[in-house]
């Protein structure tokens, strides 16, 4: 799903909706400004409890798309993981893990790896160990 397309609004329009809401405009006023029903505006706002969501940004320590492109070019040119890491001024283990988690040397694609990294950073996390989570004490039968 593309960012900003869920409600047929661009990122700039969604920002403007949050600005209007914070300024005290009514749902009807905001809806009229964007040609949307007030119910659509209410749904958008209620998804975040009426509080504007934080802007997503990456940590300075994560690999950037440009670094991933350099990794991809290094792989294509036959450079070793250590040579690629030295060129990026990163630890060899960082580059090695990046390549391994994205299909290894033959399948590594920078844009796909970057998209996968953004997806895995989203919250809430889906738990794969749902069955092994202990049940609350109220679910335990009396002896």
N, C-alpha and C. Protein backbone atom coordinates (compact mmCIF):
# COMPACT_ATOMS: atom_id res chain seq x y z
N UNK A 1 0.85 -1.17 0.00
CA UNK A 1 0.00 0.00 0.00
C UNK A 1 0.89 1.23 0.00
N UNK A 2 0.56 2.18 -0.85
CA UNK A 2 1.34 3.41 -0.93
C UNK A 2 0.96 4.34 0.20
N UNK A 3 1.95 5.06 0.70
CA UNK A 3 1.72 6.04 1.76
C UNK A 3 0.85 7.17 1.24
N UNK A 4 -0.15 7.59 2.02
CA UNK A 4 -0.97 8.74 1.68
C UNK A 4 -2.08 8.45 0.70
N UNK A 5 -2.31 7.19 0.33
CA UNK A 5 -3.33 6.88 -0.65
C UNK A 5 -4.55 6.22 -0.02
N UNK A 6 -4.50 5.85 1.22
CA UNK A 6 -5.58 5.11 1.83
C UNK A 6 -6.90 5.88 1.80
N UNK A 7 -6.86 7.16 2.00
CA UNK A 7 -8.06 7.97 2.04
C UNK A 7 -8.19 8.84 0.80
N UNK A 8 -7.37 8.59 -0.23
CA UNK A 8 -7.38 9.39 -1.42
C UNK A 8 -6.79 10.77 -1.20
N UNK A 9 -5.92 10.89 -0.23
CA UNK A 9 -5.30 12.17 0.12
C UNK A 9 -3.79 12.05 0.06
N UNK A 10 -3.14 13.09 -0.40
CA UNK A 10 -1.67 13.10 -0.43
C UNK A 10 -1.15 13.33 0.99
N UNK A 11 0.13 13.17 1.16
CA UNK A 11 0.75 13.41 2.46
C UNK A 11 0.57 14.87 2.86
N UNK A 12 0.70 15.78 1.88
CA UNK A 12 0.53 17.21 2.17
C UNK A 12 -0.90 17.51 2.62
N UNK A 13 -1.89 16.87 1.99
CA UNK A 13 -3.28 17.08 2.38
C UNK A 13 -3.54 16.53 3.78
N UNK A 14 -2.99 15.38 4.08
CA UNK A 14 -3.18 14.80 5.41
C UNK A 14 -2.54 15.70 6.48
N UNK A 15 -1.39 16.27 6.16
CA UNK A 15 -0.73 17.21 7.07
C UNK A 15 -1.62 18.42 7.31
N UNK A 16 -2.24 18.90 6.24
CA UNK A 16 -3.13 20.06 6.33
C UNK A 16 -4.37 19.72 7.16
N UNK A 17 -4.87 18.50 7.05
CA UNK A 17 -6.02 18.07 7.87
C UNK A 17 -5.63 18.12 9.35
N UNK A 18 -4.47 17.58 9.67
CA UNK A 18 -4.02 17.59 11.07
C UNK A 18 -3.82 19.01 11.57
N UNK A 19 -3.30 19.90 10.70
CA UNK A 19 -3.12 21.29 11.08
C UNK A 19 -4.46 21.94 11.39
N UNK A 20 -5.46 21.70 10.53
CA UNK A 20 -6.80 22.24 10.76
C UNK A 20 -7.43 21.71 12.03
N UNK A 21 -7.26 20.43 12.29
CA UNK A 21 -7.81 19.81 13.50
C UNK A 21 -7.19 20.44 14.75
N UNK A 22 -5.86 20.61 14.69
CA UNK A 22 -5.16 21.21 15.83
C UNK A 22 -5.57 22.66 16.03
N UNK A 23 -5.91 23.36 14.93
CA UNK A 23 -6.33 24.76 15.01
C UNK A 23 -7.77 24.91 15.49
N UNK A 24 -8.49 23.78 15.64
CA UNK A 24 -9.85 23.84 16.17
C UNK A 24 -10.94 23.87 15.13
N UNK A 25 -10.61 23.61 13.87
CA UNK A 25 -11.64 23.57 12.83
C UNK A 25 -12.52 22.35 13.04
N UNK A 26 -13.79 22.46 12.63
CA UNK A 26 -14.70 21.33 12.77
C UNK A 26 -14.45 20.30 11.67
N UNK A 27 -14.94 19.08 11.88
CA UNK A 27 -14.82 18.03 10.88
C UNK A 27 -15.48 18.44 9.57
N UNK A 28 -16.62 19.13 9.67
CA UNK A 28 -17.33 19.59 8.48
C UNK A 28 -16.51 20.60 7.69
N UNK A 29 -15.88 21.54 8.39
CA UNK A 29 -15.05 22.55 7.72
C UNK A 29 -13.85 21.90 7.02
N UNK A 30 -13.21 20.98 7.71
CA UNK A 30 -12.06 20.30 7.12
C UNK A 30 -12.50 19.48 5.92
N UNK A 31 -13.60 18.76 6.08
CA UNK A 31 -14.12 17.94 4.98
C UNK A 31 -14.45 18.76 3.75
N UNK A 32 -15.11 19.91 3.94
CA UNK A 32 -15.45 20.78 2.81
C UNK A 32 -14.20 21.27 2.08
N UNK A 33 -13.15 21.58 2.83
CA UNK A 33 -11.91 22.08 2.23
C UNK A 33 -11.26 21.05 1.31
N UNK A 34 -11.49 19.76 1.58
CA UNK A 34 -10.85 18.70 0.80
C UNK A 34 -11.83 17.90 -0.05
N UNK A 35 -13.10 18.34 -0.05
CA UNK A 35 -14.09 17.63 -0.86
C UNK A 35 -14.39 16.24 -0.34
N UNK A 36 -14.28 16.06 0.95
CA UNK A 36 -14.53 14.75 1.59
C UNK A 36 -15.65 14.89 2.61
N UNK A 37 -16.34 13.80 2.87
CA UNK A 37 -17.37 13.77 3.89
C UNK A 37 -16.70 13.88 5.27
N UNK A 38 -17.41 14.49 6.21
CA UNK A 38 -16.82 14.65 7.55
C UNK A 38 -16.54 13.31 8.20
N UNK A 39 -17.28 12.27 7.82
CA UNK A 39 -17.05 10.92 8.36
C UNK A 39 -15.69 10.38 7.94
N UNK A 40 -15.27 10.70 6.73
CA UNK A 40 -13.94 10.27 6.27
C UNK A 40 -12.85 10.95 7.07
N UNK A 41 -13.07 12.23 7.36
CA UNK A 41 -12.09 12.99 8.14
C UNK A 41 -12.04 12.43 9.57
N UNK A 42 -13.20 12.14 10.12
CA UNK A 42 -13.27 11.59 11.48
C UNK A 42 -12.55 10.24 11.53
N UNK A 43 -12.74 9.42 10.52
CA UNK A 43 -12.08 8.12 10.48
C UNK A 43 -10.57 8.28 10.46
N UNK A 44 -10.08 9.19 9.63
CA UNK A 44 -8.64 9.45 9.55
C UNK A 44 -8.10 9.89 10.90
N UNK A 45 -8.78 10.83 11.54
CA UNK A 45 -8.32 11.34 12.84
C UNK A 45 -8.42 10.30 13.94
N UNK A 46 -9.49 9.50 13.91
CA UNK A 46 -9.71 8.53 14.99
C UNK A 46 -8.70 7.39 14.95
N UNK A 47 -8.09 7.15 13.80
CA UNK A 47 -7.08 6.09 13.70
C UNK A 47 -5.89 6.37 14.61
N UNK A 48 -5.71 7.63 14.95
CA UNK A 48 -4.58 8.02 15.80
C UNK A 48 -5.06 8.67 17.10
N UNK A 49 -6.31 8.48 17.44
CA UNK A 49 -6.84 9.02 18.69
C UNK A 49 -6.92 10.53 18.70
N UNK A 50 -6.98 11.16 17.53
CA UNK A 50 -7.06 12.61 17.46
C UNK A 50 -5.73 13.31 17.67
N UNK A 51 -4.66 12.53 17.75
CA UNK A 51 -3.32 13.10 17.95
C UNK A 51 -2.51 12.81 16.69
N UNK A 52 -1.91 13.85 16.12
CA UNK A 52 -1.15 13.70 14.88
C UNK A 52 -0.02 12.69 15.06
N UNK A 53 0.12 11.75 14.12
CA UNK A 53 1.18 10.75 14.24
C UNK A 53 2.57 11.37 14.06
N UNK A 54 3.54 10.75 14.68
CA UNK A 54 4.91 11.22 14.53
C UNK A 54 5.39 10.97 13.11
N UNK A 55 6.25 11.81 12.63
CA UNK A 55 6.80 11.66 11.29
C UNK A 55 7.85 10.55 11.33
N UNK A 56 7.74 9.60 10.39
CA UNK A 56 8.69 8.50 10.33
C UNK A 56 10.04 8.99 9.83
N UNK A 57 11.07 8.60 10.51
CA UNK A 57 12.42 8.89 10.04
C UNK A 57 13.33 7.77 10.48
N UNK A 58 14.41 7.62 9.78
CA UNK A 58 15.34 6.54 10.07
C UNK A 58 16.40 6.97 11.07
N UNK A 59 16.87 5.99 11.79
CA UNK A 59 18.01 6.20 12.68
C UNK A 59 19.24 6.50 11.82
N UNK A 60 20.15 7.26 12.36
CA UNK A 60 21.40 7.56 11.65
C UNK A 60 22.24 6.31 11.44
N UNK A 61 21.96 5.28 12.21
CA UNK A 61 22.77 4.07 12.15
C UNK A 61 22.30 3.06 11.11
N UNK A 62 21.08 3.21 10.59
CA UNK A 62 20.59 2.25 9.61
C UNK A 62 21.19 2.54 8.24
N UNK A 63 21.24 1.52 7.42
CA UNK A 63 21.75 1.68 6.07
C UNK A 63 20.78 2.53 5.25
N UNK A 64 21.31 3.42 4.45
CA UNK A 64 20.48 4.24 3.57
C UNK A 64 20.32 3.54 2.23
N UNK A 65 19.41 4.05 1.41
CA UNK A 65 19.23 3.49 0.08
C UNK A 65 20.53 3.64 -0.73
N UNK A 66 21.21 4.77 -0.59
CA UNK A 66 22.47 4.98 -1.32
C UNK A 66 23.52 3.94 -0.91
N UNK A 67 23.58 3.63 0.39
CA UNK A 67 24.53 2.61 0.85
C UNK A 67 24.15 1.23 0.32
N UNK A 68 22.85 0.96 0.28
CA UNK A 68 22.39 -0.32 -0.27
C UNK A 68 22.71 -0.41 -1.76
N UNK A 69 22.60 0.71 -2.47
CA UNK A 69 22.98 0.73 -3.90
C UNK A 69 24.47 0.44 -4.05
N UNK A 70 25.29 1.00 -3.17
CA UNK A 70 26.73 0.74 -3.20
C UNK A 70 27.02 -0.73 -2.93
N UNK A 71 26.28 -1.32 -2.02
CA UNK A 71 26.44 -2.76 -1.75
C UNK A 71 26.09 -3.55 -3.01
N UNK A 72 24.99 -3.19 -3.65
CA UNK A 72 24.56 -3.89 -4.86
C UNK A 72 25.62 -3.77 -5.97
N UNK A 73 26.16 -2.57 -6.14
CA UNK A 73 27.20 -2.36 -7.16
C UNK A 73 28.46 -3.15 -6.82
N UNK A 74 28.81 -3.19 -5.54
CA UNK A 74 29.98 -3.96 -5.11
C UNK A 74 29.82 -5.43 -5.39
N UNK A 75 28.63 -5.95 -5.14
CA UNK A 75 28.36 -7.36 -5.40
C UNK A 75 28.47 -7.64 -6.90
N UNK A 76 27.89 -6.74 -7.70
CA UNK A 76 27.90 -6.91 -9.16
C UNK A 76 29.33 -6.86 -9.71
N UNK A 77 30.19 -6.06 -9.08
CA UNK A 77 31.57 -5.95 -9.57
C UNK A 77 32.47 -7.06 -9.03
N UNK A 78 31.92 -7.90 -8.15
CA UNK A 78 32.69 -9.02 -7.62
C UNK A 78 33.52 -8.69 -6.40
N UNK A 79 33.29 -7.55 -5.77
CA UNK A 79 34.04 -7.16 -4.57
C UNK A 79 33.65 -8.05 -3.39
N UNK A 80 34.57 -8.21 -2.48
CA UNK A 80 34.27 -8.99 -1.27
C UNK A 80 33.43 -8.14 -0.32
N UNK A 81 32.82 -8.81 0.64
CA UNK A 81 32.02 -8.11 1.65
C UNK A 81 32.89 -7.12 2.42
N UNK A 82 34.10 -7.52 2.75
CA UNK A 82 35.00 -6.63 3.50
C UNK A 82 35.37 -5.39 2.69
N UNK A 83 35.60 -5.55 1.38
CA UNK A 83 35.92 -4.39 0.53
C UNK A 83 34.73 -3.43 0.46
N UNK A 84 33.54 -3.99 0.31
CA UNK A 84 32.33 -3.16 0.25
C UNK A 84 32.16 -2.41 1.56
N UNK A 85 32.33 -3.13 2.68
CA UNK A 85 32.18 -2.52 4.01
C UNK A 85 33.21 -1.41 4.22
N UNK A 86 34.42 -1.63 3.79
CA UNK A 86 35.47 -0.62 3.93
C UNK A 86 35.11 0.65 3.15
N UNK A 87 34.57 0.48 1.95
CA UNK A 87 34.16 1.62 1.14
C UNK A 87 33.02 2.41 1.77
N UNK A 88 32.15 1.72 2.50
CA UNK A 88 31.01 2.37 3.17
C UNK A 88 31.37 2.87 4.57
N UNK A 89 32.54 2.50 5.05
CA UNK A 89 32.95 2.78 6.42
C UNK A 89 31.95 2.19 7.42
N UNK A 90 31.60 0.94 7.14
CA UNK A 90 30.69 0.17 7.99
C UNK A 90 31.41 -1.12 8.39
N UNK A 91 30.89 -1.76 9.43
CA UNK A 91 31.43 -3.05 9.84
C UNK A 91 31.10 -4.10 8.78
N UNK A 92 32.02 -5.03 8.57
CA UNK A 92 31.79 -6.10 7.60
C UNK A 92 30.56 -6.93 7.99
N UNK A 93 30.33 -7.09 9.28
CA UNK A 93 29.18 -7.88 9.73
C UNK A 93 27.87 -7.20 9.35
N UNK A 94 27.83 -5.87 9.34
CA UNK A 94 26.63 -5.14 8.95
C UNK A 94 26.30 -5.42 7.50
N UNK A 95 27.29 -5.34 6.63
CA UNK A 95 27.09 -5.59 5.21
C UNK A 95 26.74 -7.05 4.98
N UNK A 96 27.44 -7.95 5.66
CA UNK A 96 27.19 -9.38 5.51
C UNK A 96 25.76 -9.75 5.90
N UNK A 97 25.29 -9.22 7.04
CA UNK A 97 23.92 -9.49 7.48
C UNK A 97 22.90 -8.92 6.50
N UNK A 98 23.18 -7.71 6.00
CA UNK A 98 22.28 -7.07 5.05
C UNK A 98 22.12 -7.92 3.80
N UNK A 99 23.22 -8.42 3.28
CA UNK A 99 23.18 -9.25 2.08
C UNK A 99 22.48 -10.57 2.38
N UNK A 100 22.81 -11.19 3.50
CA UNK A 100 22.22 -12.48 3.85
C UNK A 100 20.71 -12.40 4.07
N UNK A 101 20.24 -11.34 4.72
CA UNK A 101 18.80 -11.25 5.01
C UNK A 101 17.98 -10.88 3.78
N UNK A 102 18.67 -10.52 2.69
CA UNK A 102 17.96 -10.12 1.47
C UNK A 102 18.32 -11.00 0.28
N UNK A 103 18.50 -12.28 0.52
CA UNK A 103 18.65 -13.24 -0.56
C UNK A 103 20.05 -13.65 -0.93
N UNK A 104 21.06 -13.12 -0.25
CA UNK A 104 22.43 -13.49 -0.57
C UNK A 104 22.96 -12.74 -1.79
N UNK A 105 24.19 -13.03 -2.15
CA UNK A 105 24.84 -12.32 -3.26
C UNK A 105 24.08 -12.43 -4.58
N UNK A 106 23.58 -13.59 -4.96
CA UNK A 106 22.94 -13.66 -6.28
C UNK A 106 21.58 -12.94 -6.38
N UNK A 107 20.89 -12.78 -5.26
CA UNK A 107 19.53 -12.22 -5.30
C UNK A 107 19.42 -10.83 -4.70
N UNK A 108 20.49 -10.24 -4.21
CA UNK A 108 20.42 -8.95 -3.52
C UNK A 108 20.00 -7.83 -4.48
N UNK A 109 18.95 -7.09 -4.10
CA UNK A 109 18.48 -5.92 -4.85
C UNK A 109 18.30 -4.79 -3.85
N UNK A 110 18.97 -3.67 -4.09
CA UNK A 110 18.98 -2.56 -3.14
C UNK A 110 17.60 -2.00 -2.86
N UNK A 111 16.80 -1.75 -3.89
CA UNK A 111 15.48 -1.14 -3.68
C UNK A 111 14.56 -2.08 -2.91
N UNK A 112 14.63 -3.36 -3.22
CA UNK A 112 13.80 -4.34 -2.48
C UNK A 112 14.25 -4.43 -1.03
N UNK A 113 15.55 -4.40 -0.80
CA UNK A 113 16.08 -4.47 0.56
C UNK A 113 15.66 -3.24 1.36
N UNK A 114 15.68 -2.07 0.72
CA UNK A 114 15.29 -0.84 1.40
C UNK A 114 13.80 -0.86 1.74
N UNK A 115 12.98 -1.32 0.81
CA UNK A 115 11.53 -1.42 1.06
C UNK A 115 11.26 -2.40 2.21
N UNK A 116 11.95 -3.51 2.19
CA UNK A 116 11.78 -4.53 3.24
C UNK A 116 12.19 -3.96 4.60
N UNK A 117 13.24 -3.14 4.64
CA UNK A 117 13.70 -2.54 5.89
C UNK A 117 12.65 -1.58 6.45
N UNK A 118 12.04 -0.76 5.59
CA UNK A 118 10.98 0.15 6.04
C UNK A 118 9.78 -0.64 6.56
N UNK A 119 9.41 -1.71 5.84
CA UNK A 119 8.28 -2.53 6.26
C UNK A 119 8.53 -3.18 7.61
N UNK A 120 9.74 -3.69 7.82
CA UNK A 120 10.02 -4.37 9.08
C UNK A 120 10.11 -3.41 10.26
N UNK A 121 10.28 -2.12 9.98
CA UNK A 121 10.36 -1.13 11.05
C UNK A 121 8.99 -0.66 11.52
N UNK A 122 7.94 -1.01 10.79
CA UNK A 122 6.60 -0.56 11.16
C UNK A 122 6.12 -1.18 12.46
N UNK A 123 5.31 -0.45 13.17
CA UNK A 123 4.70 -0.94 14.40
C UNK A 123 3.20 -1.01 14.21
N UNK A 124 2.49 -1.85 14.87
CA UNK A 124 2.95 -2.86 15.82
C UNK A 124 3.53 -4.07 15.10
N UNK A 125 4.41 -4.77 15.78
CA UNK A 125 5.03 -5.96 15.21
C UNK A 125 4.04 -7.11 15.28
N UNK A 126 4.08 -7.97 14.28
CA UNK A 126 3.26 -9.17 14.28
C UNK A 126 4.07 -10.25 14.97
N UNK A 127 3.47 -10.86 15.98
CA UNK A 127 4.19 -11.88 16.73
C UNK A 127 3.97 -13.24 16.10
N UNK A 128 5.05 -13.94 15.82
CA UNK A 128 4.94 -15.27 15.24
C UNK A 128 4.81 -16.35 16.32
N UNK A 129 5.09 -16.00 17.58
CA UNK A 129 5.06 -16.96 18.67
C UNK A 129 3.75 -16.85 19.46
N UNK A 130 2.66 -16.47 18.82
CA UNK A 130 1.38 -16.23 19.49
C UNK A 130 0.91 -17.45 20.29
N UNK A 131 1.17 -18.65 19.79
CA UNK A 131 0.70 -19.86 20.47
C UNK A 131 1.49 -20.15 21.75
N UNK A 132 2.72 -19.68 21.84
CA UNK A 132 3.56 -20.02 22.98
C UNK A 132 3.48 -18.99 24.11
N UNK A 133 2.68 -17.95 23.92
CA UNK A 133 2.56 -16.92 24.95
C UNK A 133 1.73 -17.49 26.11
N UNK A 134 2.24 -17.40 27.34
CA UNK A 134 1.49 -17.94 28.47
C UNK A 134 0.15 -17.23 28.65
N UNK A 135 -0.84 -17.98 29.05
CA UNK A 135 -2.17 -17.43 29.28
C UNK A 135 -2.19 -16.69 30.61
N UNK A 136 -3.06 -15.68 30.74
CA UNK A 136 -3.15 -14.97 32.02
C UNK A 136 -3.63 -15.89 33.14
N UNK A 137 -3.36 -15.51 34.37
CA UNK A 137 -3.70 -16.33 35.53
C UNK A 137 -5.18 -16.66 35.59
N UNK A 138 -6.05 -15.78 35.08
CA UNK A 138 -7.49 -16.02 35.14
C UNK A 138 -7.90 -17.21 34.28
N UNK A 139 -7.06 -17.60 33.32
CA UNK A 139 -7.38 -18.73 32.46
C UNK A 139 -6.97 -20.06 33.08
N UNK A 140 -6.22 -20.03 34.17
CA UNK A 140 -5.76 -21.24 34.83
C UNK A 140 -6.92 -21.78 35.69
N UNK A 141 -7.16 -23.08 35.56
CA UNK A 141 -8.26 -23.67 36.32
C UNK A 141 -7.88 -23.85 37.79
N UNK A 142 -8.89 -23.84 38.65
CA UNK A 142 -8.65 -24.06 40.08
C UNK A 142 -8.33 -25.52 40.35
N UNK A 143 -7.50 -25.73 41.35
CA UNK A 143 -7.10 -27.10 41.71
C UNK A 143 -8.00 -27.64 42.78
